[in-house]
C-alpha atoms as a PDB file:
ATOM      1  CA  MET A   1      21.752  96.639  85.605  1.00  0.00           C
ATOM      2  CA  VAL A   2      18.597  94.775  86.911  1.00  0.00           C
ATOM      3  CA  LYS A   3      15.445  96.927  86.254  1.00  0.00           C
ATOM      4  CA  LEU A   4      12.081  96.613  87.743  1.00  0.00           C
ATOM      5  CA  LYS A   5       9.247  95.358  85.521  1.00  0.00           C
ATOM      6  CA  LEU A   6       5.868  97.234  85.035  1.00  0.00           C
ATOM      7  CA  ARG A   7       4.232  95.236  88.093  1.00  0.00           C
ATOM      8  CA  GLY A   8       7.121  96.028  90.148  1.00  0.00           C
ATOM      9  CA  MET A   9       7.140  99.768  89.241  1.00  0.00           C
ATOM     10  CA  LYS A  10       3.415  99.857  90.088  1.00  0.00           C
ATOM     11  CA  LEU A  11       4.074  98.370  93.555  1.00  0.00           C
ATOM     12  CA  LEU A  12       6.837 100.717  94.185  1.00  0.00           C
ATOM     13  CA  ARG A  13       4.908 103.886  93.226  1.00  0.00           C
ATOM     14  CA  LEU A  14       1.828 102.652  95.628  1.00  0.00           C
ATOM     15  CA  LEU A  15       4.123 101.931  98.475  1.00  0.00           C
ATOM     16  CA  HIS A  16       5.954 105.322  97.773  1.00  0.00           C
ATOM     17  CA  ILE A  17       2.562 107.206  97.647  1.00  0.00           C
ATOM     18  CA  LEU A  18       1.465 105.473 100.996  1.00  0.00           C
ATOM     19  CA  THR A  19       4.883 106.079 102.807  1.00  0.00           C
ATOM     20  CA  ALA A  20       5.262 109.802 101.543  1.00  0.00           C
ATOM     21  CA  SER A  21       1.610 110.476 102.738  1.00  0.00           C
ATOM     22  CA  ILE A  22       2.113 108.985 106.293  1.00  0.00           C
ATOM     23  CA  TRP A  23       5.468 111.164 106.445  1.00  0.00           C
ATOM     24  CA  PHE A  24       3.644 114.220 105.364  1.00  0.00           C
ATOM     25  CA  GLY A  25       0.840 113.808 107.581  1.00  0.00           C
ATOM     26  CA  GLY A  26       2.930 112.923 110.566  1.00  0.00           C
ATOM     27  CA  VAL A  27       4.665 116.283 110.164  1.00  0.00           C
ATOM     28  CA  VAL A  28       1.538 118.162 109.737  1.00  0.00           C
ATOM     29  CA  CYS A  29       0.263 116.430 112.952  1.00  0.00           C
ATOM     30  CA  MET A  30       3.674 117.421 114.617  1.00  0.00           C
ATOM     31  CA  GLY A  31       3.100 120.853 113.567  1.00  0.00           C
ATOM     32  CA  GLY A  32      -0.399 121.001 114.938  1.00  0.00           C
ATOM     33  CA  LEU A  33       0.678 119.539 118.199  1.00  0.00           C
ATOM     34  CA  ALA A  34       3.490 121.917 118.488  1.00  0.00           C
ATOM     35  CA  PHE A  35       0.910 124.906 117.750  1.00  0.00           C
ATOM     36  CA  ILE A  36      -1.368 123.720 120.398  1.00  0.00           C
ATOM     37  CA  CYS A  37       1.361 123.148 122.962  1.00  0.00           C
ATOM     38  CA  PHE A  38       2.816 126.771 122.585  1.00  0.00           C
ATOM     39  CA  PHE A  39      -0.448 128.807 122.423  1.00  0.00           C
ATOM     40  CA  GLN A  40      -3.007 126.554 124.274  1.00  0.00           C
ATOM     41  CA  PHE A  41      -1.085 125.080 127.083  1.00  0.00           C
ATOM     42  CA  ASN A  42      -0.106 126.021 130.708  1.00  0.00           C
ATOM     43  CA  GLU A  43       3.527 125.065 131.855  1.00  0.00           C
ATOM     44  CA  THR A  44       2.201 121.917 133.284  1.00  0.00           C
ATOM     45  CA  GLU A  45       0.350 120.847 130.120  1.00  0.00           C
ATOM     46  CA  PHE A  46       3.096 121.877 128.044  1.00  0.00           C
ATOM     47  CA  LEU A  47       5.716 119.624 129.849  1.00  0.00           C
ATOM     48  CA  THR A  48       3.121 116.861 129.803  1.00  0.00           C
ATOM     49  CA  PHE A  49       2.483 116.975 125.955  1.00  0.00           C
ATOM     50  CA  ALA A  50       5.562 118.748 124.543  1.00  0.00           C
ATOM     51  CA  PRO A  51       7.701 115.470 124.702  1.00  0.00           C
ATOM     52  CA  TRP A  52       5.126 113.764 122.471  1.00  0.00           C
ATOM     53  CA  ILE A  53       6.417 115.868 119.723  1.00  0.00           C
ATOM     54  CA  PRO A  54       9.758 114.199 119.349  1.00  0.00           C
ATOM     55  CA  GLY A  55       8.146 110.861 120.343  1.00  0.00           C
ATOM     56  CA  LEU A  56       5.772 111.386 117.209  1.00  0.00           C
ATOM     57  CA  TYR A  57       8.819 112.063 115.182  1.00  0.00           C
ATOM     58  CA  GLN A  58      10.850 109.099 116.550  1.00  0.00           C
ATOM     59  CA  SER A  59       8.258 106.520 116.372  1.00  0.00           C
ATOM     60  CA  VAL A  60       6.164 107.357 113.179  1.00  0.00           C
ATOM     61  CA  ILE A  61       7.820 110.005 111.041  1.00  0.00           C
ATOM     62  CA  LEU A  62      11.561 108.763 111.167  1.00  0.00           C
ATOM     63  CA  PRO A  63      10.659 105.261 110.050  1.00  0.00           C
ATOM     64  CA  PHE A  64       8.356 106.209 107.280  1.00  0.00           C
ATOM     65  CA  ALA A  65      10.800 109.118 106.248  1.00  0.00           C
ATOM     66  CA  LEU A  66      13.677 106.435 105.951  1.00  0.00           C
ATOM     67  CA  LEU A  67      11.277 103.911 104.154  1.00  0.00           C
ATOM     68  CA  THR A  68      10.446 106.275 101.577  1.00  0.00           C
ATOM     69  CA  ILE A  69      13.995 107.477 101.064  1.00  0.00           C
ATOM     70  CA  VAL A  70      14.918 103.996 100.445  1.00  0.00           C
ATOM     71  CA  GLN A  71      12.133 103.994  97.979  1.00  0.00           C
ATOM     72  CA  GLY A  72      13.707 106.757  96.207  1.00  0.00           C
ATOM     73  CA  LEU A  73      17.017 105.098  96.195  1.00  0.00           C
ATOM     74  CA  THR A  74      15.441 102.026  94.551  1.00  0.00           C
ATOM     75  CA  TYR A  75      13.747 104.315  91.882  1.00  0.00           C
ATOM     76  CA  GLY A  76      17.160 105.735  91.140  1.00  0.00           C
ATOM     77  CA  ILE A  77      19.072 102.497  90.906  1.00  0.00           C
ATOM     78  CA  PHE A  78      16.496 100.040  89.638  1.00  0.00           C
ATOM     79  CA  THR A  79      14.605 102.185  87.275  1.00  0.00           C
ATOM     80  CA  ASN A  80      15.266 104.631  84.323  1.00  0.00           C
ATOM     81  CA  TRP A  81      14.242 107.566  86.391  1.00  0.00           C
ATOM     82  CA  GLY A  82      17.957 107.766  87.994  1.00  0.00           C
ATOM     83  CA  PHE A  83      19.039 110.368  90.060  1.00  0.00           C
ATOM     84  CA  ILE A  84      19.814 113.373  88.358  1.00  0.00           C
ATOM     85  CA  LYS A  85      18.469 112.368  85.082  1.00  0.00           C
ATOM     86  CA  HIS A  86      15.389 114.666  85.480  1.00  0.00           C
ATOM     87  CA  LYS A  87      15.761 118.265  87.263  1.00  0.00           C
ATOM     88  CA  TRP A  88      12.640 117.579  89.021  1.00  0.00           C
ATOM     89  CA  ILE A  89      14.213 114.632  90.812  1.00  0.00           C
ATOM     90  CA  LEU A  90      17.495 116.336  91.639  1.00  0.00           C
ATOM     91  CA  TRP A  91      15.477 119.300  93.201  1.00  0.00           C
ATOM     92  CA  LYS A  92      13.418 116.600  95.316  1.00  0.00           C
ATOM     93  CA  TRP A  93      16.908 115.380  96.573  1.00  0.00           C
ATOM     94  CA  ILE A  94      17.866 118.912  97.401  1.00  0.00           C
ATOM     95  CA  LEU A  95      14.568 119.448  99.202  1.00  0.00           C
ATOM     96  CA  LEU A  96      15.094 116.232 101.057  1.00  0.00           C
ATOM     97  CA  ILE A  97      18.255 117.555 102.569  1.00  0.00           C
ATOM     98  CA  CYS A  98      16.594 120.760 103.609  1.00  0.00           C
ATOM     99  CA  VAL A  99      13.756 118.651 105.284  1.00  0.00           C
ATOM    100  CA  ALA A 100      16.234 116.847 106.893  1.00  0.00           C
ATOM    101  CA  LEU A 101      18.024 119.805 108.283  1.00  0.00           C
ATOM    102  CA  CYS A 102      14.831 121.425 109.325  1.00  0.00           C
ATOM    103  CA  THR A 103      13.924 118.416 111.228  1.00  0.00           C
ATOM    104  CA  GLY A 104      17.078 117.309 112.855  1.00  0.00           C
ATOM    105  CA  LEU A 105      18.814 120.511 113.726  1.00  0.00           C
ATOM    106  CA  GLY A 106      15.707 122.467 113.732  1.00  0.00           C
ATOM    107  CA  ALA A 107      12.286 121.352 114.860  1.00  0.00           C
ATOM    108  CA  ILE A 108      13.347 118.489 117.167  1.00  0.00           C
ATOM    109  CA  GLY A 109      16.690 119.846 118.331  1.00  0.00           C
ATOM    110  CA  GLN A 110      14.900 123.201 119.231  1.00  0.00           C
ATOM    111  CA  MET A 111      11.991 121.433 120.921  1.00  0.00           C
ATOM    112  CA  PHE A 112      14.612 119.399 123.242  1.00  0.00           C
ATOM    113  CA  SER A 113      16.170 123.073 124.048  1.00  0.00           C
ATOM    114  CA  VAL A 114      12.653 124.644 124.681  1.00  0.00           C
ATOM    115  CA  ILE A 115      11.632 121.672 126.971  1.00  0.00           C
ATOM    116  CA  GLU A 116      14.881 122.186 129.033  1.00  0.00           C
ATOM    117  CA  LYS A 117      14.315 126.017 129.046  1.00  0.00           C
ATOM    118  CA  VAL A 118      10.833 125.715 130.288  1.00  0.00           C
ATOM    119  CA  GLU A 119      11.834 122.922 133.146  1.00  0.00           C
ATOM    120  CA  SER A 120      14.517 125.326 134.408  1.00  0.00           C
ATOM    121  CA  SER A 121      13.128 128.870 134.024  1.00  0.00           C
ATOM    122  CA  GLY A 122       9.466 128.495 133.157  1.00  0.00           C
ATOM    123  CA  PHE A 123       6.956 128.550 130.028  1.00  0.00           C
ATOM    124  CA  THR A 124       6.063 131.833 128.410  1.00  0.00           C
ATOM    125  CA  GLY A 125       4.363 130.325 125.427  1.00  0.00           C
ATOM    126  CA  GLY A 126       3.584 131.410 122.004  1.00  0.00           C
ATOM    127  CA  PHE A 127       6.146 132.585 119.669  1.00  0.00           C
ATOM    128  CA  THR A 128       8.419 133.479 122.608  1.00  0.00           C
ATOM    129  CA  ASP A 129       9.040 129.702 123.495  1.00  0.00           C
ATOM    130  CA  GLY A 130       7.648 128.118 120.065  1.00  0.00           C
ATOM    131  CA  GLY A 131       8.774 130.561 117.430  1.00  0.00           C
ATOM    132  CA  LEU A 132      11.814 128.495 115.979  1.00  0.00           C
ATOM    133  CA  VAL A 133      10.116 125.113 116.513  1.00  0.00           C
ATOM    134  CA  LEU A 134       7.138 126.393 114.529  1.00  0.00           C
ATOM    135  CA  LEU A 135       9.396 127.819 111.997  1.00  0.00           C
ATOM    136  CA  PHE A 136      11.248 124.923 111.198  1.00  0.00           C
ATOM    137  CA  ILE A 137       8.023 122.683 111.144  1.00  0.00           C
ATOM    138  CA  SER A 138       6.556 125.402 108.654  1.00  0.00           C
ATOM    139  CA  LEU A 139       9.631 124.968 106.541  1.00  0.00           C
ATOM    140  CA  GLN A 140       9.370 121.135 106.660  1.00  0.00           C
ATOM    141  CA  ILE A 141       5.645 121.348 105.617  1.00  0.00           C
ATOM    142  CA  LEU A 142       6.479 123.854 102.747  1.00  0.00           C
ATOM    143  CA  PHE A 143       9.468 121.830 101.387  1.00  0.00           C
ATOM    144  CA  MET A 144       7.460 118.680 101.553  1.00  0.00           C
ATOM    145  CA  VAL A 145       4.485 120.382  99.673  1.00  0.00           C
ATOM    146  CA  ILE A 146       7.134 121.473  96.815  1.00  0.00           C
ATOM    147  CA  MET A 147       8.193 117.904  96.612  1.00  0.00           C
ATOM    148  CA  ILE A 148       4.678 116.779  96.363  1.00  0.00           C
ATOM    149  CA  ILE A 149       4.034 119.440  93.434  1.00  0.00           C
ATOM    150  CA  LEU A 150       7.337 118.309  91.690  1.00  0.00           C
ATOM    151  CA  SER A 151       6.215 114.611  91.916  1.00  0.00           C
ATOM    152  CA  VAL A 152       2.710 115.236  90.556  1.00  0.00           C
ATOM    153  CA  PHE A 153       3.567 118.012  87.704  1.00  0.00           C
ATOM    154  CA  LYS A 154       6.864 116.857  86.889  1.00  0.00           C
ATOM    155  CA  PRO A 155       8.179 120.366  85.762  1.00  0.00           C
ATOM    156  CA  MET A 156      11.629 120.408  83.915  1.00  0.00           C
ATOM    157  CA  LYS A 157      11.258 116.898  82.841  1.00  0.00           C
ATOM    158  CA  ARG A 158      13.061 116.092  79.532  1.00  0.00           C
ATOM    159  CA  LYS A 159      11.208 115.941  76.353  1.00  0.00           C
ATOM    160  CA  ASN A 160      10.861 113.109  73.940  1.00  0.00           C
ATOM    161  CA  ARG A 161      10.921 110.471  77.147  1.00  0.00           C
ATOM    162  CA  ASP A 162       8.112 108.475  78.482  1.00  0.00           C
ATOM    163  CA  VAL A 163       7.760 109.296  82.200  1.00  0.00           C
ATOM    164  CA  VAL A 164       5.658 106.898  84.121  1.00  0.00           C
END
């Protein structure tokens, strides 16, 4: 099997850090925008700015998330890290599934429902309209922070192995 050399690993690591940072930053921005939409805006402003949340997801977060996942697959295939060789890597893959569920079924799916509800029956605001959206975005951020902690501290790593 073809393995990446040291220069390729460094380049992959740099790219992985950059894309994961943009992904995480985009989710935090999406959360901030959602909070502002639900707690600071009236109905007209909400209907103007709320569609930016799925737009931000589709134009920034999703492409960088997919690129980061492809890099994770590259790590698993072309390096000695593997997919389940280290428990902390396995936990990152499990958390990735949780993030995906919180995004698609949770935050973005709920946001579309809330926008439709506001268009048909009005805007209440706060946690009444935004509770589920904000919950799922908060869970995304929490899961991503745990993934970052796992990447930095590498708990549960195998002993007697050089981990780059």
